[in-house]
Amino acid sequence: MIRSLTRLNPLRMLLALLAVAAAAAVLAACSSSGTSSSSSGSSSGSPAAAAAGGLKTATIGGATVLTNASGFTLYSFAPDTPTTSNCNGTCAQAWPPVKGPATASGVTGTFGTIKRSDGSVQATFDGHPLYTFAGDTAAGQAKGNGLNVNGGLWHEITTSGTAAAGSSGGGGY
C-alpha cells in the first residue's frame, strides 16, 4: 500500500502542475484580451483604442482631427448621446471604444467619460463618445469617416468638435 501511494504522489503532482499551468495560460489569455485596448507605445498596425490619457491631433484630409496616442483617427457615432454609447457587441469590435478618461494637450473642448453597458468607461469629447475604426490599418487613415454602418453615420472627430469637411451626412446629435 505504501508503494502504491508513493507512485501515485508524483503522478498527482504532475497533474496538479499541469492544471496550474493550464489555469495560468487561461488567465493570461483572458487578461491580454481584456486589456488589448491599450495601444500607446505599440506599432502593431492595429487601431486598438487608446487607454486613459494622451490623445493627439493630426491633419488628415485637410481637417485637424483627434487621434489616439498611436495616431489612429478617432470617430463619433451619430446615434450616440452625450451619456450613452449605442455601439456594443460586434459594433464595438469594428469600432473599439476609447477607454477613458482621456485628454489632448492644446485642444479646446470638453473631455469627459461615460459608463458603457458592459460597465467599462469610455472617453468623450464635447459630448461625443470616442472610437477608433478597425478598418484603419495605419496611423493617419480615416477610412471610417462618413460610413453609414451599424445603424448610423460615423465621423472623424475634428478639434472643433464637428464632422470633418467632405464627410457624408450630418454631425450626429
N, C-alpha and C. Protein backbone atom coordinates (compact mmCIF):
# COMPACT_ATOMS: atom_id res chain seq x y z
N MET A 1 0.82 -1.19 0.00
CA MET A 1 0.00 0.00 0.00
C MET A 1 0.87 1.26 0.00
N ILE A 2 1.93 1.31 0.77
CA ILE A 2 2.82 2.46 0.80
C ILE A 2 3.48 2.65 -0.56
N ARG A 3 3.85 1.53 -1.19
CA ARG A 3 4.47 1.62 -2.50
C ARG A 3 3.51 2.26 -3.53
N SER A 4 2.24 1.91 -3.51
CA SER A 4 1.29 2.47 -4.47
C SER A 4 1.04 3.96 -4.19
N LEU A 5 1.12 4.41 -2.94
CA LEU A 5 0.96 5.82 -2.62
C LEU A 5 2.13 6.65 -3.13
N THR A 6 3.35 6.14 -3.00
CA THR A 6 4.50 6.89 -3.48
C THR A 6 4.51 6.98 -5.00
N ARG A 7 3.99 5.97 -5.67
CA ARG A 7 3.88 6.06 -7.13
C ARG A 7 2.78 7.02 -7.54
N LEU A 8 1.74 7.11 -6.76
CA LEU A 8 0.62 7.97 -7.08
C LEU A 8 0.95 9.44 -6.82
N ASN A 9 1.70 9.74 -5.80
CA ASN A 9 2.02 11.12 -5.47
C ASN A 9 2.74 11.85 -6.60
N PRO A 10 3.78 11.29 -7.23
CA PRO A 10 4.39 12.01 -8.36
C PRO A 10 3.40 12.23 -9.50
N LEU A 11 2.51 11.28 -9.74
CA LEU A 11 1.51 11.45 -10.77
C LEU A 11 0.55 12.58 -10.41
N ARG A 12 0.12 12.60 -9.16
CA ARG A 12 -0.76 13.68 -8.70
C ARG A 12 -0.06 15.03 -8.79
N MET A 13 1.21 15.07 -8.43
CA MET A 13 1.95 16.32 -8.52
C MET A 13 2.06 16.79 -9.96
N LEU A 14 2.31 15.86 -10.87
CA LEU A 14 2.39 16.22 -12.28
C LEU A 14 1.05 16.75 -12.78
N LEU A 15 -0.03 16.06 -12.42
CA LEU A 15 -1.36 16.52 -12.82
C LEU A 15 -1.68 17.89 -12.22
N ALA A 16 -1.31 18.09 -10.96
CA ALA A 16 -1.56 19.38 -10.32
C ALA A 16 -0.76 20.48 -11.01
N LEU A 17 0.51 20.21 -11.34
CA LEU A 17 1.32 21.20 -12.04
C LEU A 17 0.74 21.53 -13.42
N LEU A 18 0.27 20.49 -14.12
CA LEU A 18 -0.35 20.73 -15.42
C LEU A 18 -1.62 21.56 -15.29
N ALA A 19 -2.40 21.29 -14.25
CA ALA A 19 -3.63 22.05 -14.02
C ALA A 19 -3.31 23.51 -13.71
N VAL A 20 -2.29 23.75 -12.90
CA VAL A 20 -1.88 25.12 -12.57
C VAL A 20 -1.38 25.83 -13.83
N ALA A 21 -0.57 25.13 -14.63
CA ALA A 21 -0.06 25.73 -15.87
C ALA A 21 -1.21 26.07 -16.82
N ALA A 22 -2.17 25.19 -16.94
CA ALA A 22 -3.32 25.44 -17.82
C ALA A 22 -4.13 26.63 -17.32
N ALA A 23 -4.34 26.69 -16.00
CA ALA A 23 -5.08 27.82 -15.42
C ALA A 23 -4.34 29.12 -15.66
N ALA A 24 -3.02 29.11 -15.51
CA ALA A 24 -2.22 30.31 -15.74
C ALA A 24 -2.32 30.76 -17.20
N ALA A 25 -2.31 29.80 -18.12
CA ALA A 25 -2.42 30.13 -19.54
C ALA A 25 -3.78 30.74 -19.85
N VAL A 26 -4.83 30.20 -19.27
CA VAL A 26 -6.17 30.74 -19.48
C VAL A 26 -6.26 32.15 -18.92
N LEU A 27 -5.73 32.36 -17.72
CA LEU A 27 -5.76 33.70 -17.12
C LEU A 27 -4.96 34.69 -17.95
N ALA A 28 -3.83 34.27 -18.45
CA ALA A 28 -3.02 35.16 -19.28
C ALA A 28 -3.75 35.52 -20.55
N ALA A 29 -4.42 34.57 -21.17
CA ALA A 29 -5.17 34.84 -22.40
C ALA A 29 -6.33 35.77 -22.13
N CYS A 30 -7.06 35.55 -21.05
CA CYS A 30 -8.17 36.43 -20.69
C CYS A 30 -7.66 37.82 -20.36
N SER A 31 -6.58 37.88 -19.63
CA SER A 31 -6.02 39.16 -19.25
C SER A 31 -5.57 39.95 -20.46
N SER A 32 -4.90 39.32 -21.40
CA SER A 32 -4.41 40.07 -22.55
C SER A 32 -5.55 40.49 -23.46
N SER A 33 -6.60 39.70 -23.59
CA SER A 33 -7.71 40.11 -24.43
C SER A 33 -8.52 41.19 -23.76
N GLY A 34 -8.54 41.20 -22.44
CA GLY A 34 -9.28 42.22 -21.72
C GLY A 34 -8.57 43.55 -21.71
N THR A 35 -7.28 43.59 -21.97
CA THR A 35 -6.56 44.84 -21.93
C THR A 35 -6.01 45.23 -23.29
N SER A 36 -6.50 44.63 -24.33
CA SER A 36 -5.96 44.90 -25.65
C SER A 36 -6.32 46.28 -26.15
N SER A 37 -7.09 47.03 -25.37
CA SER A 37 -7.48 48.34 -25.84
C SER A 37 -6.37 49.36 -25.74
N SER A 38 -5.29 49.04 -25.08
CA SER A 38 -4.20 50.00 -24.97
C SER A 38 -3.26 49.85 -26.15
N SER A 39 -3.04 50.95 -26.85
CA SER A 39 -2.13 50.86 -27.98
C SER A 39 -0.98 51.82 -27.86
N SER A 40 -0.90 52.57 -26.77
CA SER A 40 0.21 53.51 -26.66
C SER A 40 1.51 52.76 -26.55
N GLY A 41 2.49 53.25 -27.28
CA GLY A 41 3.79 52.62 -27.28
C GLY A 41 3.87 51.39 -28.16
N SER A 42 2.83 51.13 -28.91
CA SER A 42 2.81 49.94 -29.75
C SER A 42 2.62 50.34 -31.19
N SER A 43 3.31 49.70 -32.09
CA SER A 43 3.09 49.96 -33.51
C SER A 43 2.67 48.66 -34.16
N SER A 44 1.63 48.07 -33.60
CA SER A 44 1.19 46.75 -34.06
C SER A 44 0.39 46.81 -35.35
N GLY A 45 0.08 48.01 -35.83
CA GLY A 45 -0.73 48.11 -37.03
C GLY A 45 -2.21 47.93 -36.71
N SER A 46 -2.56 47.98 -35.45
CA SER A 46 -3.94 47.82 -35.03
C SER A 46 -4.47 49.14 -34.51
N PRO A 47 -5.74 49.47 -34.83
CA PRO A 47 -6.29 50.72 -34.37
C PRO A 47 -6.88 50.62 -32.96
N ALA A 48 -6.42 49.68 -32.17
CA ALA A 48 -6.98 49.50 -30.83
C ALA A 48 -7.10 50.83 -30.12
N ALA A 49 -8.19 50.96 -29.39
CA ALA A 49 -8.49 52.23 -28.73
C ALA A 49 -7.42 52.59 -27.71
N ALA A 50 -7.22 53.89 -27.56
CA ALA A 50 -6.24 54.38 -26.59
C ALA A 50 -6.73 54.13 -25.17
N ALA A 51 -5.83 53.80 -24.30
CA ALA A 51 -6.15 53.73 -22.88
C ALA A 51 -6.19 55.16 -22.36
N ALA A 52 -6.51 55.29 -21.10
CA ALA A 52 -6.64 56.59 -20.48
C ALA A 52 -5.47 57.50 -20.82
N GLY A 53 -5.77 58.76 -21.08
CA GLY A 53 -4.70 59.73 -21.23
C GLY A 53 -4.52 60.29 -22.60
N GLY A 54 -3.30 60.23 -23.10
CA GLY A 54 -2.77 61.02 -24.18
C GLY A 54 -3.32 60.85 -25.56
N LEU A 55 -4.28 61.66 -25.91
CA LEU A 55 -4.71 61.74 -27.30
C LEU A 55 -3.87 62.80 -27.99
N LYS A 56 -3.89 62.79 -29.32
CA LYS A 56 -3.12 63.75 -30.11
C LYS A 56 -4.02 64.33 -31.18
N THR A 57 -3.45 65.22 -31.98
CA THR A 57 -4.15 65.73 -33.15
C THR A 57 -3.29 65.44 -34.38
N ALA A 58 -3.95 65.39 -35.52
CA ALA A 58 -3.25 65.19 -36.80
C ALA A 58 -4.10 65.84 -37.88
N THR A 59 -3.46 66.24 -38.96
CA THR A 59 -4.19 66.76 -40.11
C THR A 59 -4.37 65.61 -41.10
N ILE A 60 -5.62 65.27 -41.33
CA ILE A 60 -5.97 64.17 -42.23
C ILE A 60 -7.01 64.69 -43.21
N GLY A 61 -6.71 64.62 -44.48
CA GLY A 61 -7.64 65.11 -45.50
C GLY A 61 -7.98 66.58 -45.33
N GLY A 62 -7.04 67.38 -44.83
CA GLY A 62 -7.26 68.81 -44.67
C GLY A 62 -7.94 69.22 -43.37
N ALA A 63 -8.35 68.25 -42.55
CA ALA A 63 -9.01 68.57 -41.28
C ALA A 63 -8.11 68.18 -40.12
N THR A 64 -8.12 68.99 -39.07
CA THR A 64 -7.37 68.64 -37.86
C THR A 64 -8.28 67.80 -36.99
N VAL A 65 -7.87 66.54 -36.80
CA VAL A 65 -8.71 65.57 -36.10
C VAL A 65 -8.00 65.05 -34.86
N LEU A 66 -8.79 64.49 -33.94
CA LEU A 66 -8.23 63.81 -32.77
C LEU A 66 -7.78 62.42 -33.17
N THR A 67 -6.67 61.97 -32.60
CA THR A 67 -6.18 60.61 -32.81
C THR A 67 -5.82 60.02 -31.46
N ASN A 68 -5.67 58.69 -31.42
CA ASN A 68 -5.16 58.08 -30.20
C ASN A 68 -3.65 58.29 -30.17
N ALA A 69 -2.99 57.80 -29.14
CA ALA A 69 -1.56 58.03 -28.96
C ALA A 69 -0.73 57.45 -30.10
N SER A 70 -1.27 56.46 -30.81
CA SER A 70 -0.56 55.85 -31.94
C SER A 70 -0.89 56.50 -33.27
N GLY A 71 -1.71 57.55 -33.27
CA GLY A 71 -2.03 58.27 -34.49
C GLY A 71 -3.23 57.77 -35.26
N PHE A 72 -4.01 56.85 -34.66
CA PHE A 72 -5.21 56.36 -35.33
C PHE A 72 -6.37 57.33 -35.10
N THR A 73 -7.09 57.65 -36.16
CA THR A 73 -8.20 58.60 -36.14
C THR A 73 -9.28 58.17 -35.15
N LEU A 74 -9.84 59.16 -34.46
CA LEU A 74 -10.97 58.92 -33.55
C LEU A 74 -12.26 59.36 -34.22
N TYR A 75 -13.33 58.62 -33.92
CA TYR A 75 -14.62 58.81 -34.57
C TYR A 75 -15.74 58.98 -33.55
N SER A 76 -16.84 59.58 -34.03
CA SER A 76 -18.09 59.63 -33.28
C SER A 76 -19.15 58.87 -34.07
N PHE A 77 -20.18 58.41 -33.36
CA PHE A 77 -21.28 57.63 -33.94
C PHE A 77 -22.56 58.44 -33.75
N ALA A 78 -23.23 58.81 -34.85
CA ALA A 78 -24.39 59.70 -34.79
C ALA A 78 -25.49 59.23 -33.83
N PRO A 79 -25.82 57.93 -33.73
CA PRO A 79 -26.88 57.53 -32.81
C PRO A 79 -26.54 57.65 -31.32
N ASP A 80 -25.27 57.88 -30.98
CA ASP A 80 -24.90 58.04 -29.57
C ASP A 80 -25.51 59.31 -29.01
N THR A 81 -25.59 59.37 -27.69
CA THR A 81 -25.98 60.58 -26.98
C THR A 81 -24.81 60.97 -26.09
N PRO A 82 -24.85 62.14 -25.48
CA PRO A 82 -23.74 62.53 -24.60
C PRO A 82 -23.55 61.60 -23.40
N THR A 83 -24.54 60.78 -23.09
CA THR A 83 -24.44 59.88 -21.94
C THR A 83 -24.49 58.40 -22.28
N THR A 84 -24.71 58.06 -23.57
CA THR A 84 -24.90 56.66 -23.94
C THR A 84 -24.21 56.31 -25.26
N SER A 85 -23.44 55.20 -25.23
CA SER A 85 -22.89 54.64 -26.46
C SER A 85 -23.91 53.65 -27.02
N ASN A 86 -24.20 53.77 -28.30
CA ASN A 86 -25.10 52.83 -28.96
C ASN A 86 -24.35 51.86 -29.86
N CYS A 87 -23.06 51.70 -29.60
CA CYS A 87 -22.22 50.78 -30.35
C CYS A 87 -21.67 49.74 -29.37
N ASN A 88 -22.27 48.57 -29.39
CA ASN A 88 -21.89 47.48 -28.47
C ASN A 88 -21.76 46.18 -29.26
N GLY A 89 -21.26 45.15 -28.63
CA GLY A 89 -21.15 43.84 -29.27
C GLY A 89 -20.27 43.86 -30.51
N THR A 90 -20.80 43.35 -31.64
CA THR A 90 -20.00 43.30 -32.86
C THR A 90 -19.67 44.70 -33.38
N CYS A 91 -20.54 45.67 -33.11
CA CYS A 91 -20.25 47.05 -33.50
C CYS A 91 -18.96 47.51 -32.80
N ALA A 92 -18.85 47.24 -31.51
CA ALA A 92 -17.67 47.67 -30.74
C ALA A 92 -16.41 46.90 -31.14
N GLN A 93 -16.57 45.76 -31.81
CA GLN A 93 -15.39 45.06 -32.32
C GLN A 93 -14.84 45.78 -33.54
N ALA A 94 -15.73 46.29 -34.38
CA ALA A 94 -15.31 47.04 -35.56
C ALA A 94 -14.93 48.48 -35.21
N TRP A 95 -15.54 49.00 -34.17
CA TRP A 95 -15.32 50.38 -33.73
C TRP A 95 -14.95 50.36 -32.25
N PRO A 96 -13.72 49.99 -31.92
CA PRO A 96 -13.33 49.88 -30.50
C PRO A 96 -13.47 51.22 -29.76
N PRO A 97 -14.16 51.20 -28.61
CA PRO A 97 -14.30 52.42 -27.82
C PRO A 97 -12.95 52.85 -27.24
N VAL A 98 -12.75 54.15 -27.14
CA VAL A 98 -11.56 54.69 -26.49
C VAL A 98 -11.81 54.63 -24.99
N LYS A 99 -10.98 53.89 -24.29
CA LYS A 99 -11.14 53.77 -22.84
C LYS A 99 -10.73 55.08 -22.20
N GLY A 100 -11.53 55.52 -21.24
CA GLY A 100 -11.29 56.85 -20.69
C GLY A 100 -10.89 56.81 -19.25
N PRO A 101 -10.55 57.94 -18.68
CA PRO A 101 -10.62 59.28 -19.27
C PRO A 101 -9.44 59.55 -20.20
N ALA A 102 -9.60 60.58 -21.03
CA ALA A 102 -8.55 60.94 -21.97
C ALA A 102 -8.48 62.45 -22.09
N THR A 103 -7.34 62.93 -22.52
CA THR A 103 -7.14 64.36 -22.77
C THR A 103 -6.21 64.52 -23.96
N ALA A 104 -6.17 65.73 -24.50
CA ALA A 104 -5.24 66.05 -25.58
C ALA A 104 -4.70 67.45 -25.31
N SER A 105 -3.40 67.56 -25.26
CA SER A 105 -2.75 68.83 -24.98
C SER A 105 -3.06 69.84 -26.07
N GLY A 106 -3.43 71.06 -25.65
CA GLY A 106 -3.67 72.14 -26.60
C GLY A 106 -5.00 72.10 -27.31
N VAL A 107 -5.87 71.13 -26.99
CA VAL A 107 -7.17 71.03 -27.66
C VAL A 107 -8.22 71.72 -26.80
N THR A 108 -8.94 72.66 -27.42
CA THR A 108 -10.03 73.34 -26.73
C THR A 108 -11.29 72.50 -26.91
N GLY A 109 -11.92 72.18 -25.83
CA GLY A 109 -13.13 71.36 -25.85
C GLY A 109 -13.24 70.66 -24.52
N THR A 110 -14.31 69.94 -24.34
CA THR A 110 -14.56 69.28 -23.08
C THR A 110 -14.38 67.77 -23.21
N PHE A 111 -13.42 67.25 -22.47
CA PHE A 111 -13.22 65.81 -22.39
C PHE A 111 -13.98 65.29 -21.19
N GLY A 112 -14.57 64.12 -21.33
CA GLY A 112 -15.31 63.50 -20.24
C GLY A 112 -15.33 61.99 -20.42
N THR A 113 -16.21 61.35 -19.67
CA THR A 113 -16.37 59.90 -19.77
C THR A 113 -17.84 59.53 -19.62
N ILE A 114 -18.16 58.37 -20.13
CA ILE A 114 -19.47 57.75 -19.90
C ILE A 114 -19.22 56.32 -19.45
N LYS A 115 -20.23 55.73 -18.85
CA LYS A 115 -20.16 54.32 -18.48
C LYS A 115 -20.90 53.53 -19.55
N ARG A 116 -20.20 52.56 -20.16
CA ARG A 116 -20.79 51.73 -21.21
C ARG A 116 -21.68 50.64 -20.61
N SER A 117 -22.48 50.00 -21.45
CA SER A 117 -23.39 48.95 -20.99
C SER A 117 -22.65 47.78 -20.37
N ASP A 118 -21.36 47.56 -20.75
CA ASP A 118 -20.58 46.47 -20.16
C ASP A 118 -19.88 46.90 -18.87
N GLY A 119 -20.10 48.15 -18.43
CA GLY A 119 -19.51 48.66 -17.20
C GLY A 119 -18.18 49.36 -17.39
N SER A 120 -17.59 49.29 -18.58
CA SER A 120 -16.31 49.96 -18.82
C SER A 120 -16.54 51.47 -19.00
N VAL A 121 -15.46 52.22 -18.89
CA VAL A 121 -15.53 53.67 -19.02
C VAL A 121 -14.99 54.06 -20.40
N GLN A 122 -15.75 54.92 -21.09
CA GLN A 122 -15.38 55.36 -22.44
C GLN A 122 -15.15 56.86 -22.43
N ALA A 123 -14.10 57.31 -23.12
CA ALA A 123 -13.79 58.72 -23.24
C ALA A 123 -14.77 59.41 -24.17
N THR A 124 -15.04 60.69 -23.89
CA THR A 124 -15.88 61.51 -24.75
C THR A 124 -15.16 62.83 -25.04
N PHE A 125 -15.54 63.47 -26.15
CA PHE A 125 -15.07 64.81 -26.47
C PHE A 125 -16.27 65.62 -26.91
N ASP A 126 -16.50 66.74 -26.23
CA ASP A 126 -17.65 67.60 -26.49
C ASP A 126 -18.95 66.81 -26.57
N GLY A 127 -19.10 65.84 -25.67
CA GLY A 127 -20.32 65.05 -25.59
C GLY A 127 -20.41 63.89 -26.56
N HIS A 128 -19.36 63.63 -27.33
CA HIS A 128 -19.36 62.52 -28.29
C HIS A 128 -18.50 61.38 -27.76
N PRO A 129 -19.08 60.19 -27.50
CA PRO A 129 -18.24 59.03 -27.18
C PRO A 129 -17.25 58.78 -28.31
N LEU A 130 -16.01 58.42 -27.96
CA LEU A 130 -14.93 58.28 -28.93
C LEU A 130 -14.63 56.82 -29.27
N TYR A 131 -14.30 56.57 -30.55
CA TYR A 131 -14.00 55.24 -31.06
C TYR A 131 -12.82 55.32 -32.04
N THR A 132 -12.15 54.20 -32.25
CA THR A 132 -11.26 54.03 -33.39
C THR A 132 -12.00 53.14 -34.38
N PHE A 133 -11.38 52.84 -35.53
CA PHE A 133 -12.03 52.01 -36.55
C PHE A 133 -11.08 50.90 -36.97
N ALA A 134 -11.54 49.66 -36.91
CA ALA A 134 -10.72 48.50 -37.26
C ALA A 134 -10.27 48.55 -38.72
N GLY A 135 -11.00 49.26 -39.56
CA GLY A 135 -10.63 49.37 -40.97
C GLY A 135 -9.44 50.28 -41.22
N ASP A 136 -9.10 51.12 -40.24
CA ASP A 136 -7.89 51.94 -40.34
C ASP A 136 -6.72 51.05 -39.93
N THR A 137 -5.88 50.71 -40.87
CA THR A 137 -4.79 49.78 -40.60
C THR A 137 -3.45 50.46 -40.36
N ALA A 138 -3.43 51.79 -40.51
CA ALA A 138 -2.20 52.54 -40.26
C ALA A 138 -2.59 53.92 -39.72
N ALA A 139 -1.69 54.50 -38.96
CA ALA A 139 -1.91 55.85 -38.45
C ALA A 139 -2.13 56.80 -39.62
N GLY A 140 -2.99 57.81 -39.42
CA GLY A 140 -3.23 58.80 -40.46
C GLY A 140 -4.34 58.46 -41.44
N GLN A 141 -4.94 57.29 -41.30
CA GLN A 141 -6.05 56.92 -42.17
C GLN A 141 -7.36 57.35 -41.53
N ALA A 142 -8.38 57.56 -42.35
CA ALA A 142 -9.72 57.90 -41.88
C ALA A 142 -10.75 57.19 -42.74
N LYS A 143 -10.57 55.88 -42.89
CA LYS A 143 -11.45 55.09 -43.76
C LYS A 143 -12.88 54.99 -43.22
N GLY A 144 -13.07 55.28 -41.94
CA GLY A 144 -14.40 55.19 -41.36
C GLY A 144 -15.22 56.46 -41.49
N ASN A 145 -14.59 57.56 -41.91
CA ASN A 145 -15.30 58.84 -41.98
C ASN A 145 -16.40 58.81 -43.02
N GLY A 146 -17.62 59.13 -42.59
CA GLY A 146 -18.76 59.19 -43.49
C GLY A 146 -19.45 57.86 -43.74
N LEU A 147 -18.96 56.77 -43.12
CA LEU A 147 -19.61 55.47 -43.31
C LEU A 147 -20.96 55.44 -42.60
N ASN A 148 -21.92 54.80 -43.22
CA ASN A 148 -23.23 54.60 -42.61
C ASN A 148 -23.38 53.10 -42.36
N VAL A 149 -22.91 52.65 -41.19
CA VAL A 149 -22.97 51.24 -40.81
C VAL A 149 -23.33 51.12 -39.34
N ASN A 150 -23.78 49.95 -38.94
CA ASN A 150 -24.16 49.67 -37.56
C ASN A 150 -25.28 50.58 -37.07
N GLY A 151 -26.12 51.04 -37.99
CA GLY A 151 -27.28 51.83 -37.60
C GLY A 151 -27.08 53.33 -37.58
N GLY A 152 -25.99 53.82 -38.16
CA GLY A 152 -25.81 55.26 -38.17
C GLY A 152 -24.52 55.69 -38.84
N LEU A 153 -24.36 57.01 -38.93
CA LEU A 153 -23.19 57.60 -39.57
C LEU A 153 -22.02 57.72 -38.59
N TRP A 154 -20.83 57.54 -39.14
CA TRP A 154 -19.58 57.68 -38.38
C TRP A 154 -18.82 58.87 -38.94
N HIS A 155 -18.26 59.68 -38.05
CA HIS A 155 -17.48 60.84 -38.46
C HIS A 155 -16.20 60.93 -37.65
N GLU A 156 -15.11 61.33 -38.32
CA GLU A 156 -13.90 61.61 -37.57
C GLU A 156 -14.16 62.83 -36.69
N ILE A 157 -13.51 62.85 -35.55
CA ILE A 157 -13.69 63.95 -34.60
C ILE A 157 -12.66 65.04 -34.90
N THR A 158 -13.16 66.21 -35.30
CA THR A 158 -12.26 67.34 -35.51
C THR A 158 -12.03 68.02 -34.17
N THR A 159 -10.98 68.80 -34.10
CA THR A 159 -10.68 69.50 -32.86
C THR A 159 -11.72 70.57 -32.55
N SER A 160 -12.54 70.93 -33.55
CA SER A 160 -13.62 71.88 -33.30
C SER A 160 -14.88 71.16 -32.82
N GLY A 161 -14.85 69.81 -32.80
CA GLY A 161 -15.99 69.03 -32.32
C GLY A 161 -17.07 68.83 -33.35
N THR A 162 -16.78 69.14 -34.62
CA THR A 162 -17.78 68.98 -35.68
C THR A 162 -17.33 67.90 -36.66
N ALA A 163 -18.24 67.48 -37.52
CA ALA A 163 -17.90 66.49 -38.55
C ALA A 163 -16.93 67.14 -39.54
N ALA A 164 -15.98 66.35 -40.01
CA ALA A 164 -14.98 66.86 -40.94
C ALA A 164 -15.60 67.20 -42.29
N ALA A 165 -15.03 68.18 -42.97
CA ALA A 165 -15.49 68.57 -44.31
C ALA A 165 -15.36 67.39 -45.26
N GLY A 166 -16.30 67.29 -46.17
CA GLY A 166 -16.24 66.22 -47.15
C GLY A 166 -16.87 64.93 -46.65
N SER A 167 -17.34 64.91 -45.42
CA SER A 167 -17.97 63.70 -44.91
C SER A 167 -19.43 63.70 -45.35
N SER A 168 -19.98 62.52 -45.45
CA SER A 168 -21.37 62.44 -45.88
C SER A 168 -22.29 62.46 -44.67
N GLY A 169 -23.34 63.23 -44.76
CA GLY A 169 -24.32 63.24 -43.69
C GLY A 169 -24.02 64.27 -42.63
N GLY A 170 -24.87 64.27 -41.60
CA GLY A 170 -24.80 65.26 -40.53
C GLY A 170 -23.79 64.89 -39.47
N GLY A 171 -23.66 65.75 -38.48
CA GLY A 171 -22.66 65.60 -37.45
C GLY A 171 -23.16 64.91 -36.21
N GLY A 172 -24.29 64.20 -36.26
CA GLY A 172 -24.76 63.49 -35.07
C GLY A 172 -25.81 64.29 -34.34
N TYR A 173 -25.87 64.09 -33.07
CA TYR A 173 -26.91 64.75 -32.27
C TYR A 173 -26.57 66.17 -32.14
